[in-house]
Amino acid sequence: MATIVLVRHGETAWNRDRRVQGWAAVPLNDRGREQAVSLATAIESRYDVDRLIASDLRRTLETARPIARKTGVSVEPSTGWRERDFGVFQGLSYRELFSGYPEFAIGTSGYPAALARPESGESFIDHRERVLAAFDRLVDSLDSAETAVVVTHGGSLYQVLGRQKGLDIVETVMDQSQGNGAINELAVDTANGSVSIVSENETTYRDTDR
């Protein structure tokens, strides 16, 4: 069995302020950098990492670098694992976005909001197709007993885990959560390509640092 370890990036100021980040080059804040170091220690102690992939956005690369230093595995940047592109809405607070433009609020408008595409951005469906394609390519490329770590975003994690759990797009977006620095472990049977969730949204490793 191969292993895929999916992790969310550390905290940013925009996470703290509940602002739409999309593809913005937002750095980790002080707490996020601490989370990245703790995450790297946890990954190094639990897994024999063969590959390290990261969304090529700033916050994910900054989270991946301590893992690379701990494991000695170089980071492979990937556009496929980026967060959803919110286009012209990038930088708004979520309150401003969903109260001012309810047609994009999936919790209010349901499935039609999953199809809505902001100017110069992606719909939830666009995002799902891109991320799941990246995930499927990774699964197909794995050797038996290989371990790959992917540093990505909350929205991208929802898409992968939602499909594994059989959720529709509304449930995928609304009914899941991922903490900053969360670890998710998936087992892959490389003989038939089947994937199962071992654990998700795990942040208890931080307790050892207190």
N, C-alpha and C. Protein backbone atom coordinates (compact mmCIF):
# COMPACT_ATOMS: atom_id res chain seq x y z
N MET A 1 0.84 -1.20 0.00
CA MET A 1 0.00 0.00 0.00
C MET A 1 0.87 1.25 0.00
N ALA A 2 0.50 2.19 -0.81
CA ALA A 2 1.16 3.50 -0.81
C ALA A 2 0.38 4.43 0.12
N THR A 3 1.01 5.53 0.48
CA THR A 3 0.40 6.49 1.40
C THR A 3 0.45 7.89 0.80
N ILE A 4 -0.67 8.59 0.88
CA ILE A 4 -0.70 10.01 0.54
C ILE A 4 -1.06 10.77 1.81
N VAL A 5 -0.22 11.73 2.16
CA VAL A 5 -0.44 12.57 3.33
C VAL A 5 -0.78 13.97 2.81
N LEU A 6 -2.03 14.36 3.00
CA LEU A 6 -2.49 15.68 2.56
C LEU A 6 -2.51 16.62 3.75
N VAL A 7 -1.85 17.76 3.64
CA VAL A 7 -1.83 18.71 4.76
C VAL A 7 -2.24 20.10 4.30
N ARG A 8 -2.90 20.81 5.20
CA ARG A 8 -3.26 22.20 4.92
C ARG A 8 -2.12 23.11 5.38
N HIS A 9 -1.94 24.20 4.66
CA HIS A 9 -0.90 25.18 5.00
C HIS A 9 -1.15 25.80 6.38
N GLY A 10 -0.12 26.41 6.92
CA GLY A 10 -0.23 27.11 8.19
C GLY A 10 -1.05 28.38 8.07
N GLU A 11 -1.32 28.97 9.22
CA GLU A 11 -2.21 30.14 9.28
C GLU A 11 -1.58 31.37 8.63
N THR A 12 -2.44 32.18 8.00
CA THR A 12 -2.05 33.49 7.47
C THR A 12 -2.90 34.56 8.15
N ALA A 13 -2.50 35.81 7.97
CA ALA A 13 -3.30 36.92 8.51
C ALA A 13 -4.68 36.94 7.88
N TRP A 14 -4.78 36.56 6.61
CA TRP A 14 -6.08 36.54 5.94
C TRP A 14 -6.96 35.41 6.48
N ASN A 15 -6.36 34.28 6.87
CA ASN A 15 -7.15 33.25 7.56
C ASN A 15 -7.74 33.83 8.84
N ARG A 16 -6.89 34.50 9.60
CA ARG A 16 -7.32 35.06 10.88
C ARG A 16 -8.45 36.08 10.68
N ASP A 17 -8.37 36.86 9.60
CA ASP A 17 -9.35 37.91 9.34
C ASP A 17 -10.55 37.44 8.52
N ARG A 18 -10.56 36.15 8.15
CA ARG A 18 -11.65 35.58 7.36
C ARG A 18 -11.80 36.30 6.02
N ARG A 19 -10.65 36.47 5.33
CA ARG A 19 -10.66 37.10 4.02
C ARG A 19 -10.44 36.04 2.94
N VAL A 20 -10.98 36.28 1.77
CA VAL A 20 -10.86 35.35 0.65
C VAL A 20 -9.45 35.45 0.07
N GLN A 21 -8.70 34.37 0.14
CA GLN A 21 -7.31 34.40 -0.31
C GLN A 21 -7.15 34.02 -1.78
N GLY A 22 -7.86 32.97 -2.21
CA GLY A 22 -7.70 32.55 -3.59
C GLY A 22 -6.23 32.32 -3.94
N TRP A 23 -5.79 32.98 -4.99
CA TRP A 23 -4.41 32.81 -5.45
C TRP A 23 -3.48 33.94 -4.97
N ALA A 24 -3.92 34.73 -4.01
CA ALA A 24 -3.10 35.83 -3.52
C ALA A 24 -1.82 35.33 -2.88
N ALA A 25 -0.76 36.11 -3.01
CA ALA A 25 0.55 35.74 -2.46
C ALA A 25 0.63 36.15 -0.99
N VAL A 26 -0.20 35.54 -0.17
CA VAL A 26 -0.28 35.88 1.25
C VAL A 26 0.71 34.99 2.02
N PRO A 27 1.59 35.58 2.84
CA PRO A 27 2.56 34.78 3.60
C PRO A 27 1.94 34.20 4.86
N LEU A 28 2.60 33.22 5.45
CA LEU A 28 2.22 32.74 6.77
C LEU A 28 2.45 33.85 7.79
N ASN A 29 1.60 33.91 8.81
CA ASN A 29 1.88 34.80 9.93
C ASN A 29 2.76 34.08 10.95
N ASP A 30 3.03 34.71 12.08
CA ASP A 30 3.93 34.09 13.06
C ASP A 30 3.39 32.74 13.53
N ARG A 31 2.10 32.69 13.79
CA ARG A 31 1.51 31.42 14.23
C ARG A 31 1.63 30.37 13.13
N GLY A 32 1.41 30.78 11.89
CA GLY A 32 1.52 29.85 10.77
C GLY A 32 2.91 29.29 10.61
N ARG A 33 3.92 30.13 10.84
CA ARG A 33 5.30 29.63 10.75
C ARG A 33 5.59 28.63 11.86
N GLU A 34 5.06 28.89 13.05
CA GLU A 34 5.22 27.92 14.14
C GLU A 34 4.51 26.62 13.80
N GLN A 35 3.33 26.72 13.22
CA GLN A 35 2.61 25.52 12.82
C GLN A 35 3.39 24.73 11.77
N ALA A 36 4.02 25.43 10.84
CA ALA A 36 4.77 24.75 9.80
C ALA A 36 5.94 23.96 10.38
N VAL A 37 6.61 24.53 11.36
CA VAL A 37 7.73 23.83 11.99
C VAL A 37 7.24 22.61 12.76
N SER A 38 6.16 22.76 13.53
CA SER A 38 5.59 21.63 14.26
C SER A 38 5.10 20.55 13.31
N LEU A 39 4.48 20.97 12.22
CA LEU A 39 4.00 20.03 11.21
C LEU A 39 5.17 19.24 10.62
N ALA A 40 6.24 19.92 10.29
CA ALA A 40 7.40 19.25 9.72
C ALA A 40 7.96 18.20 10.67
N THR A 41 8.02 18.53 11.96
CA THR A 41 8.50 17.56 12.95
C THR A 41 7.60 16.34 13.01
N ALA A 42 6.27 16.58 12.98
CA ALA A 42 5.32 15.47 13.01
C ALA A 42 5.44 14.59 11.77
N ILE A 43 5.54 15.21 10.60
CA ILE A 43 5.66 14.45 9.36
C ILE A 43 6.94 13.61 9.36
N GLU A 44 8.04 14.23 9.76
CA GLU A 44 9.33 13.51 9.77
C GLU A 44 9.32 12.33 10.73
N SER A 45 8.62 12.47 11.86
CA SER A 45 8.61 11.41 12.86
C SER A 45 7.67 10.26 12.48
N ARG A 46 6.66 10.53 11.65
CA ARG A 46 5.64 9.52 11.34
C ARG A 46 5.85 8.81 10.01
N TYR A 47 6.47 9.48 9.06
CA TYR A 47 6.50 8.96 7.70
C TYR A 47 7.90 8.95 7.12
N ASP A 48 8.14 7.97 6.27
CA ASP A 48 9.35 7.93 5.46
C ASP A 48 8.98 8.53 4.10
N VAL A 49 9.20 9.83 3.96
CA VAL A 49 8.67 10.59 2.82
C VAL A 49 9.52 10.36 1.58
N ASP A 50 8.85 10.00 0.49
CA ASP A 50 9.53 9.83 -0.80
C ASP A 50 9.32 11.01 -1.73
N ARG A 51 8.16 11.64 -1.65
CA ARG A 51 7.86 12.78 -2.51
C ARG A 51 7.20 13.87 -1.68
N LEU A 52 7.47 15.11 -2.04
CA LEU A 52 6.88 16.26 -1.36
C LEU A 52 6.38 17.22 -2.44
N ILE A 53 5.07 17.35 -2.52
CA ILE A 53 4.41 18.18 -3.52
C ILE A 53 3.71 19.32 -2.80
N ALA A 54 3.69 20.49 -3.41
CA ALA A 54 3.00 21.62 -2.79
C ALA A 54 2.35 22.48 -3.86
N SER A 55 1.18 22.99 -3.56
CA SER A 55 0.63 24.08 -4.36
C SER A 55 1.71 25.16 -4.47
N ASP A 56 1.78 25.80 -5.62
CA ASP A 56 2.86 26.77 -5.85
C ASP A 56 2.56 28.16 -5.30
N LEU A 57 1.49 28.29 -4.49
CA LEU A 57 1.21 29.58 -3.87
C LEU A 57 2.09 29.80 -2.66
N ARG A 58 2.27 31.05 -2.27
CA ARG A 58 3.27 31.40 -1.25
C ARG A 58 3.03 30.68 0.08
N ARG A 59 1.80 30.66 0.56
CA ARG A 59 1.54 30.11 1.88
C ARG A 59 1.79 28.61 1.95
N THR A 60 1.56 27.90 0.84
CA THR A 60 1.82 26.47 0.84
C THR A 60 3.31 26.17 0.70
N LEU A 61 4.01 26.94 -0.13
CA LEU A 61 5.45 26.73 -0.25
C LEU A 61 6.16 27.04 1.07
N GLU A 62 5.71 28.08 1.77
CA GLU A 62 6.32 28.40 3.06
C GLU A 62 6.06 27.29 4.09
N THR A 63 4.92 26.62 3.98
CA THR A 63 4.63 25.50 4.87
C THR A 63 5.45 24.27 4.49
N ALA A 64 5.69 24.08 3.21
CA ALA A 64 6.40 22.90 2.74
C ALA A 64 7.90 22.94 3.03
N ARG A 65 8.49 24.13 3.07
CA ARG A 65 9.95 24.20 3.19
C ARG A 65 10.49 23.58 4.47
N PRO A 66 9.88 23.77 5.65
CA PRO A 66 10.39 23.07 6.83
C PRO A 66 10.29 21.55 6.71
N ILE A 67 9.26 21.06 6.00
CA ILE A 67 9.15 19.62 5.76
C ILE A 67 10.30 19.16 4.89
N ALA A 68 10.62 19.94 3.87
CA ALA A 68 11.75 19.59 2.99
C ALA A 68 13.05 19.54 3.77
N ARG A 69 13.25 20.51 4.67
CA ARG A 69 14.48 20.52 5.45
C ARG A 69 14.56 19.32 6.38
N LYS A 70 13.43 18.96 7.00
CA LYS A 70 13.41 17.84 7.94
C LYS A 70 13.61 16.49 7.24
N THR A 71 13.01 16.34 6.08
CA THR A 71 13.01 15.04 5.41
C THR A 71 14.10 14.89 4.36
N GLY A 72 14.66 16.00 3.91
CA GLY A 72 15.65 15.95 2.84
C GLY A 72 15.06 15.72 1.46
N VAL A 73 13.74 15.90 1.34
CA VAL A 73 13.05 15.69 0.06
C VAL A 73 12.69 17.05 -0.54
N SER A 74 13.06 17.26 -1.79
CA SER A 74 12.80 18.55 -2.44
C SER A 74 11.32 18.75 -2.72
N VAL A 75 10.90 20.01 -2.71
CA VAL A 75 9.50 20.36 -2.97
C VAL A 75 9.24 20.39 -4.47
N GLU A 76 8.15 19.73 -4.88
CA GLU A 76 7.68 19.79 -6.27
C GLU A 76 6.49 20.75 -6.33
N PRO A 77 6.66 21.98 -6.83
CA PRO A 77 5.52 22.90 -6.91
C PRO A 77 4.51 22.43 -7.96
N SER A 78 3.23 22.66 -7.69
CA SER A 78 2.18 22.22 -8.60
C SER A 78 1.04 23.23 -8.63
N THR A 79 0.65 23.66 -9.83
CA THR A 79 -0.50 24.54 -9.97
C THR A 79 -1.81 23.79 -9.75
N GLY A 80 -1.80 22.48 -9.96
CA GLY A 80 -3.02 21.70 -9.84
C GLY A 80 -3.59 21.68 -8.44
N TRP A 81 -2.74 21.88 -7.43
CA TRP A 81 -3.17 21.81 -6.04
C TRP A 81 -3.49 23.18 -5.45
N ARG A 82 -3.57 24.22 -6.28
CA ARG A 82 -3.91 25.55 -5.78
C ARG A 82 -5.32 25.59 -5.20
N GLU A 83 -5.55 26.61 -4.37
CA GLU A 83 -6.89 26.91 -3.87
C GLU A 83 -7.76 27.38 -5.04
N ARG A 84 -9.06 27.45 -4.81
CA ARG A 84 -9.96 28.00 -5.82
C ARG A 84 -9.56 29.43 -6.14
N ASP A 85 -9.60 29.78 -7.41
CA ASP A 85 -9.36 31.15 -7.86
C ASP A 85 -10.67 31.93 -7.74
N PHE A 86 -10.71 32.88 -6.80
CA PHE A 86 -11.92 33.66 -6.59
C PHE A 86 -11.97 34.91 -7.46
N GLY A 87 -10.99 35.10 -8.32
CA GLY A 87 -11.02 36.20 -9.27
C GLY A 87 -11.14 37.56 -8.61
N VAL A 88 -12.11 38.35 -9.05
CA VAL A 88 -12.25 39.74 -8.58
C VAL A 88 -12.65 39.82 -7.11
N PHE A 89 -13.09 38.71 -6.52
CA PHE A 89 -13.51 38.74 -5.12
C PHE A 89 -12.35 38.50 -4.14
N GLN A 90 -11.19 38.19 -4.66
CA GLN A 90 -10.03 37.96 -3.81
C GLN A 90 -9.76 39.19 -2.93
N GLY A 91 -9.58 38.96 -1.64
CA GLY A 91 -9.30 40.03 -0.71
C GLY A 91 -10.51 40.50 0.08
N LEU A 92 -11.72 40.19 -0.42
CA LEU A 92 -12.92 40.52 0.35
C LEU A 92 -13.02 39.63 1.59
N SER A 93 -13.72 40.10 2.59
CA SER A 93 -14.06 39.21 3.69
C SER A 93 -15.14 38.24 3.20
N TYR A 94 -15.22 37.08 3.84
CA TYR A 94 -16.27 36.14 3.45
C TYR A 94 -17.65 36.74 3.69
N ARG A 95 -17.78 37.55 4.72
CA ARG A 95 -19.06 38.20 4.98
C ARG A 95 -19.42 39.13 3.82
N GLU A 96 -18.45 39.93 3.36
CA GLU A 96 -18.70 40.84 2.24
C GLU A 96 -19.07 40.07 0.97
N LEU A 97 -18.36 38.98 0.74
CA LEU A 97 -18.60 38.20 -0.47
C LEU A 97 -20.00 37.59 -0.47
N PHE A 98 -20.31 36.86 0.59
CA PHE A 98 -21.54 36.07 0.56
C PHE A 98 -22.79 36.89 0.88
N SER A 99 -22.64 38.00 1.61
CA SER A 99 -23.81 38.86 1.82
C SER A 99 -24.03 39.78 0.63
N GLY A 100 -22.95 40.22 0.00
CA GLY A 100 -23.08 41.12 -1.15
C GLY A 100 -23.36 40.41 -2.45
N TYR A 101 -22.94 39.14 -2.55
CA TYR A 101 -23.10 38.38 -3.79
C TYR A 101 -23.63 36.99 -3.45
N PRO A 102 -24.88 36.90 -3.01
CA PRO A 102 -25.42 35.62 -2.54
C PRO A 102 -25.44 34.53 -3.60
N GLU A 103 -25.37 34.92 -4.87
CA GLU A 103 -25.36 33.91 -5.92
C GLU A 103 -24.10 33.04 -5.88
N PHE A 104 -23.08 33.51 -5.14
CA PHE A 104 -21.85 32.74 -4.98
C PHE A 104 -21.80 32.01 -3.63
N ALA A 105 -22.83 32.16 -2.81
CA ALA A 105 -22.86 31.56 -1.47
C ALA A 105 -23.52 30.19 -1.56
N ILE A 106 -22.74 29.15 -1.53
CA ILE A 106 -23.27 27.81 -1.74
C ILE A 106 -24.20 27.40 -0.59
N GLY A 107 -23.96 27.95 0.60
CA GLY A 107 -24.83 27.64 1.73
C GLY A 107 -26.20 28.25 1.59
N THR A 108 -26.31 29.31 0.81
CA THR A 108 -27.59 29.99 0.59
C THR A 108 -28.24 29.56 -0.71
N SER A 109 -27.47 29.53 -1.77
CA SER A 109 -28.01 29.29 -3.10
C SER A 109 -27.89 27.84 -3.56
N GLY A 110 -27.15 27.02 -2.82
CA GLY A 110 -27.04 25.61 -3.16
C GLY A 110 -26.27 25.36 -4.44
N TYR A 111 -26.72 24.35 -5.19
CA TYR A 111 -25.95 23.90 -6.36
C TYR A 111 -25.69 25.00 -7.39
N PRO A 112 -26.64 25.91 -7.66
CA PRO A 112 -26.33 26.97 -8.64
C PRO A 112 -25.07 27.77 -8.27
N ALA A 113 -24.81 27.95 -6.96
CA ALA A 113 -23.61 28.68 -6.55
C ALA A 113 -22.34 27.89 -6.86
N ALA A 114 -22.45 26.56 -6.92
CA ALA A 114 -21.29 25.74 -7.26
C ALA A 114 -20.89 25.92 -8.71
N LEU A 115 -21.85 26.34 -9.54
CA LEU A 115 -21.59 26.56 -10.96
C LEU A 115 -21.19 28.00 -11.26
N ALA A 116 -21.46 28.92 -10.33
CA ALA A 116 -21.21 30.34 -10.56
C ALA A 116 -19.71 30.61 -10.62
N ARG A 117 -19.30 31.32 -11.65
CA ARG A 117 -17.88 31.59 -11.86
C ARG A 117 -17.64 33.09 -11.75
N PRO A 118 -16.88 33.54 -10.73
CA PRO A 118 -16.59 34.97 -10.62
C PRO A 118 -15.72 35.44 -11.77
N GLU A 119 -15.82 36.72 -12.07
CA GLU A 119 -14.99 37.28 -13.14
C GLU A 119 -13.51 36.97 -12.91
N SER A 120 -12.86 36.41 -13.92
CA SER A 120 -11.44 36.02 -13.92
C SER A 120 -11.13 34.94 -12.89
N GLY A 121 -12.15 34.19 -12.44
CA GLY A 121 -11.93 33.16 -11.44
C GLY A 121 -12.49 31.81 -11.85
N GLU A 122 -12.68 30.94 -10.86
CA GLU A 122 -13.17 29.58 -11.08
C GLU A 122 -14.46 29.37 -10.27
N SER A 123 -15.30 28.49 -10.76
CA SER A 123 -16.43 28.02 -9.96
C SER A 123 -15.94 26.91 -9.03
N PHE A 124 -16.79 26.53 -8.08
CA PHE A 124 -16.46 25.38 -7.24
C PHE A 124 -16.28 24.12 -8.09
N ILE A 125 -17.09 23.98 -9.13
CA ILE A 125 -16.98 22.81 -10.00
C ILE A 125 -15.66 22.83 -10.76
N ASP A 126 -15.26 24.01 -11.28
CA ASP A 126 -13.96 24.13 -11.95
C ASP A 126 -12.84 23.70 -11.01
N HIS A 127 -12.91 24.20 -9.79
CA HIS A 127 -11.88 23.89 -8.80
C HIS A 127 -11.84 22.40 -8.52
N ARG A 128 -13.02 21.79 -8.33
CA ARG A 128 -13.07 20.36 -8.07
C ARG A 128 -12.42 19.56 -9.19
N GLU A 129 -12.75 19.90 -10.42
CA GLU A 129 -12.20 19.14 -11.55
C GLU A 129 -10.68 19.26 -11.62
N ARG A 130 -10.16 20.46 -11.36
CA ARG A 130 -8.71 20.66 -11.41
C ARG A 130 -7.99 19.88 -10.31
N VAL A 131 -8.50 19.98 -9.09
CA VAL A 131 -7.84 19.33 -7.96
C VAL A 131 -7.94 17.81 -8.07
N LEU A 132 -9.11 17.30 -8.43
CA LEU A 132 -9.26 15.85 -8.53
C LEU A 132 -8.41 15.28 -9.66
N ALA A 133 -8.21 16.04 -10.72
CA ALA A 133 -7.31 15.60 -11.79
C ALA A 133 -5.88 15.49 -11.26
N ALA A 134 -5.45 16.48 -10.45
CA ALA A 134 -4.11 16.42 -9.86
C ALA A 134 -3.99 15.23 -8.91
N PHE A 135 -5.03 14.99 -8.13
CA PHE A 135 -5.02 13.86 -7.20
C PHE A 135 -4.95 12.54 -7.96
N ASP A 136 -5.75 12.39 -9.00
CA ASP A 136 -5.75 11.14 -9.77
C ASP A 136 -4.41 10.90 -10.45
N ARG A 137 -3.78 11.96 -10.93
CA ARG A 137 -2.44 11.80 -11.53
C ARG A 137 -1.46 11.30 -10.48
N LEU A 138 -1.55 11.84 -9.27
CA LEU A 138 -0.66 11.41 -8.20
C LEU A 138 -0.89 9.95 -7.87
N VAL A 139 -2.14 9.55 -7.71
CA VAL A 139 -2.45 8.15 -7.41
C VAL A 139 -1.87 7.23 -8.48
N ASP A 140 -2.06 7.59 -9.74
CA ASP A 140 -1.58 6.75 -10.84
C ASP A 140 -0.06 6.66 -10.89
N SER A 141 0.63 7.66 -10.33
CA SER A 141 2.09 7.69 -10.41
C SER A 141 2.80 6.97 -9.27
N LEU A 142 2.04 6.58 -8.24
CA LEU A 142 2.67 6.03 -7.04
C LEU A 142 3.12 4.59 -7.22
N ASP A 143 4.28 4.29 -6.66
CA ASP A 143 4.75 2.92 -6.55
C ASP A 143 4.25 2.33 -5.25
N SER A 144 4.20 1.02 -5.19
CA SER A 144 3.78 0.35 -3.97
C SER A 144 4.70 0.74 -2.82
N ALA A 145 4.11 1.06 -1.67
CA ALA A 145 4.84 1.42 -0.43
C ALA A 145 5.46 2.81 -0.49
N GLU A 146 5.21 3.58 -1.56
CA GLU A 146 5.71 4.94 -1.64
C GLU A 146 4.84 5.88 -0.80
N THR A 147 5.46 6.90 -0.21
CA THR A 147 4.73 7.89 0.59
C THR A 147 4.92 9.27 -0.04
N ALA A 148 3.80 9.91 -0.35
CA ALA A 148 3.83 11.26 -0.92
C ALA A 148 3.12 12.21 0.03
N VAL A 149 3.73 13.34 0.31
CA VAL A 149 3.13 14.39 1.11
C VAL A 149 2.73 15.53 0.18
N VAL A 150 1.50 16.01 0.33
CA VAL A 150 1.01 17.13 -0.48
C VAL A 150 0.60 18.26 0.46
N VAL A 151 1.19 19.42 0.27
CA VAL A 151 0.82 20.61 1.05
C VAL A 151 -0.10 21.45 0.18
N THR A 152 -1.33 21.62 0.66
CA THR A 152 -2.34 22.28 -0.17
C THR A 152 -3.24 23.17 0.69
N HIS A 153 -4.48 23.36 0.28
CA HIS A 153 -5.38 24.34 0.87
C HIS A 153 -6.65 23.66 1.37
N GLY A 154 -7.36 24.35 2.26
CA GLY A 154 -8.57 23.79 2.81
C GLY A 154 -9.58 23.41 1.75
N GLY A 155 -9.84 24.32 0.80
CA GLY A 155 -10.81 24.02 -0.24
C GLY A 155 -10.41 22.84 -1.10
N SER A 156 -9.14 22.71 -1.37
CA SER A 156 -8.66 21.59 -2.18
C SER A 156 -8.78 20.27 -1.42
N LEU A 157 -8.52 20.32 -0.12
CA LEU A 157 -8.70 19.13 0.71
C LEU A 157 -10.16 18.70 0.74
N TYR A 158 -11.07 19.66 0.84
CA TYR A 158 -12.49 19.33 0.83
C TYR A 158 -12.86 18.54 -0.43
N GLN A 159 -12.32 18.96 -1.56
CA GLN A 159 -12.67 18.30 -2.81
C GLN A 159 -12.21 16.85 -2.84
N VAL A 160 -10.99 16.59 -2.41
CA VAL A 160 -10.49 15.22 -2.41
C VAL A 160 -11.24 14.36 -1.40
N LEU A 161 -11.36 14.84 -0.18
CA LEU A 161 -12.02 14.05 0.86
C LEU A 161 -13.51 13.90 0.59
N GLY A 162 -14.13 14.94 0.04
CA GLY A 162 -15.55 14.86 -0.28
C GLY A 162 -15.85 13.76 -1.27
N ARG A 163 -15.01 13.63 -2.30
CA ARG A 163 -15.24 12.54 -3.25
C ARG A 163 -15.07 11.18 -2.59
N GLN A 164 -14.06 11.06 -1.76
CA GLN A 164 -13.83 9.78 -1.09
C GLN A 164 -15.00 9.39 -0.19
N LYS A 165 -15.67 10.40 0.37
CA LYS A 165 -16.80 10.14 1.27
C LYS A 165 -18.14 10.12 0.56
N GLY A 166 -18.14 10.31 -0.76
CA GLY A 166 -19.37 10.27 -1.52
C GLY A 166 -20.27 11.47 -1.31
N LEU A 167 -19.70 12.62 -0.98
CA LEU A 167 -20.48 13.83 -0.74
C LEU A 167 -20.77 14.54 -2.06
N ASP A 168 -21.92 15.20 -2.13
CA ASP A 168 -22.17 16.05 -3.28
C ASP A 168 -21.40 17.36 -3.09
N ILE A 169 -21.45 18.23 -4.09
CA ILE A 169 -20.60 19.43 -4.04
C ILE A 169 -21.01 20.36 -2.91
N VAL A 170 -22.31 20.45 -2.61
CA VAL A 170 -22.74 21.32 -1.52
C VAL A 170 -22.25 20.76 -0.18
N GLU A 171 -22.43 19.47 0.05
CA GLU A 171 -21.93 18.84 1.27
C GLU A 171 -20.42 18.93 1.37
N THR A 172 -19.75 18.79 0.23
CA THR A 172 -18.29 18.86 0.21
C THR A 172 -17.79 20.19 0.75
N VAL A 173 -18.45 21.27 0.35
CA VAL A 173 -18.02 22.61 0.75
C VAL A 173 -18.50 22.96 2.15
N MET A 174 -19.73 22.55 2.50
CA MET A 174 -20.37 23.03 3.72
C MET A 174 -20.16 22.13 4.94
N ASP A 175 -19.95 20.84 4.74
CA ASP A 175 -20.01 19.88 5.84
C ASP A 175 -18.65 19.34 6.27
N GLN A 176 -17.56 19.99 5.88
CA GLN A 176 -16.24 19.54 6.27
C GLN A 176 -15.45 20.71 6.87
N SER A 177 -14.41 20.37 7.62
CA SER A 177 -13.53 21.40 8.16
C SER A 177 -12.10 20.90 8.14
N GLN A 178 -11.17 21.85 8.05
CA GLN A 178 -9.74 21.56 8.06
C GLN A 178 -9.03 22.68 8.81
N GLY A 179 -8.35 22.33 9.90
CA GLY A 179 -7.56 23.31 10.61
C GLY A 179 -6.28 23.63 9.87
N ASN A 180 -5.72 24.80 10.13
CA ASN A 180 -4.42 25.12 9.55
C ASN A 180 -3.39 24.13 10.07
N GLY A 181 -2.62 23.55 9.15
CA GLY A 181 -1.64 22.54 9.53
C GLY A 181 -2.21 21.16 9.72
N ALA A 182 -3.47 20.94 9.39
CA ALA A 182 -4.10 19.63 9.59
C ALA A 182 -3.46 18.56 8.71
N ILE A 183 -3.38 17.34 9.26
CA ILE A 183 -2.83 16.18 8.56
C ILE A 183 -3.98 15.24 8.21
N ASN A 184 -3.97 14.77 6.96
CA ASN A 184 -4.94 13.78 6.48
C ASN A 184 -4.17 12.65 5.82
N GLU A 185 -4.43 11.42 6.24
CA GLU A 185 -3.70 10.28 5.68
C GLU A 185 -4.64 9.41 4.85
N LEU A 186 -4.21 9.08 3.64
CA LEU A 186 -4.96 8.22 2.75
C LEU A 186 -4.10 7.02 2.35
N ALA A 187 -4.71 5.85 2.28
CA ALA A 187 -4.02 4.64 1.85
C ALA A 187 -4.42 4.34 0.41
N VAL A 188 -3.44 3.98 -0.41
CA VAL A 188 -3.67 3.72 -1.83
C VAL A 188 -3.23 2.30 -2.16
N ASP A 189 -4.15 1.52 -2.69
CA ASP A 189 -3.81 0.20 -3.20
C ASP A 189 -3.35 0.39 -4.64
N THR A 190 -2.07 0.33 -4.87
CA THR A 190 -1.54 0.62 -6.21
C THR A 190 -1.88 -0.48 -7.21
N ALA A 191 -2.34 -1.63 -6.74
CA ALA A 191 -2.72 -2.70 -7.66
C ALA A 191 -4.01 -2.36 -8.40
N ASN A 192 -4.93 -1.68 -7.72
CA ASN A 192 -6.20 -1.35 -8.38
C ASN A 192 -6.58 0.13 -8.31
N GLY A 193 -5.72 0.94 -7.67
CA GLY A 193 -5.96 2.37 -7.60
C GLY A 193 -6.99 2.81 -6.58
N SER A 194 -7.48 1.89 -5.75
CA SER A 194 -8.48 2.27 -4.75
C SER A 194 -7.83 3.07 -3.63
N VAL A 195 -8.60 4.02 -3.08
CA VAL A 195 -8.11 4.94 -2.06
C VAL A 195 -9.06 4.89 -0.86
N SER A 196 -8.50 4.87 0.33
CA SER A 196 -9.33 4.92 1.55
C SER A 196 -8.74 5.95 2.51
N ILE A 197 -9.63 6.58 3.28
CA ILE A 197 -9.21 7.57 4.27
C ILE A 197 -8.83 6.86 5.55
N VAL A 198 -7.61 7.11 6.03
CA VAL A 198 -7.13 6.54 7.29
C VAL A 198 -7.44 7.51 8.44
N SER A 199 -7.16 8.78 8.23
CA SER A 199 -7.43 9.81 9.24
C SER A 199 -7.60 11.14 8.53
N GLU A 200 -8.29 12.08 9.21
CA GLU A 200 -8.48 13.39 8.59
C GLU A 200 -8.52 14.49 9.65
N ASN A 201 -8.11 15.68 9.21
CA ASN A 201 -8.15 16.90 10.03
C ASN A 201 -7.51 16.67 11.39
N GLU A 202 -6.33 16.10 11.40
CA GLU A 202 -5.65 15.76 12.65
C GLU A 202 -4.62 16.84 12.99
N THR A 203 -4.79 17.45 14.14
CA THR A 203 -3.86 18.49 14.59
C THR A 203 -3.35 18.22 16.00
N THR A 204 -3.56 17.02 16.54
CA THR A 204 -3.16 16.73 17.92
C THR A 204 -1.65 16.76 18.10
N TYR A 205 -0.90 16.66 17.01
CA TYR A 205 0.56 16.72 17.13
C TYR A 205 1.03 18.03 17.78
N ARG A 206 0.21 19.06 17.68
CA ARG A 206 0.59 20.34 18.28
C ARG A 206 0.66 20.28 19.80
N ASP A 207 -0.08 19.35 20.41
CA ASP A 207 -0.10 19.25 21.86
C ASP A 207 1.28 18.99 22.44
N THR A 208 2.13 18.32 21.66
CA THR A 208 3.47 17.98 22.15
C THR A 208 4.37 19.21 22.22
N ASP A 209 3.93 20.32 21.60
CA ASP A 209 4.77 21.52 21.56
C ASP A 209 4.37 22.52 22.64
N ARG A 210 3.40 22.17 23.46
CA ARG A 210 2.91 23.13 24.47
C ARG A 210 3.55 22.85 25.83
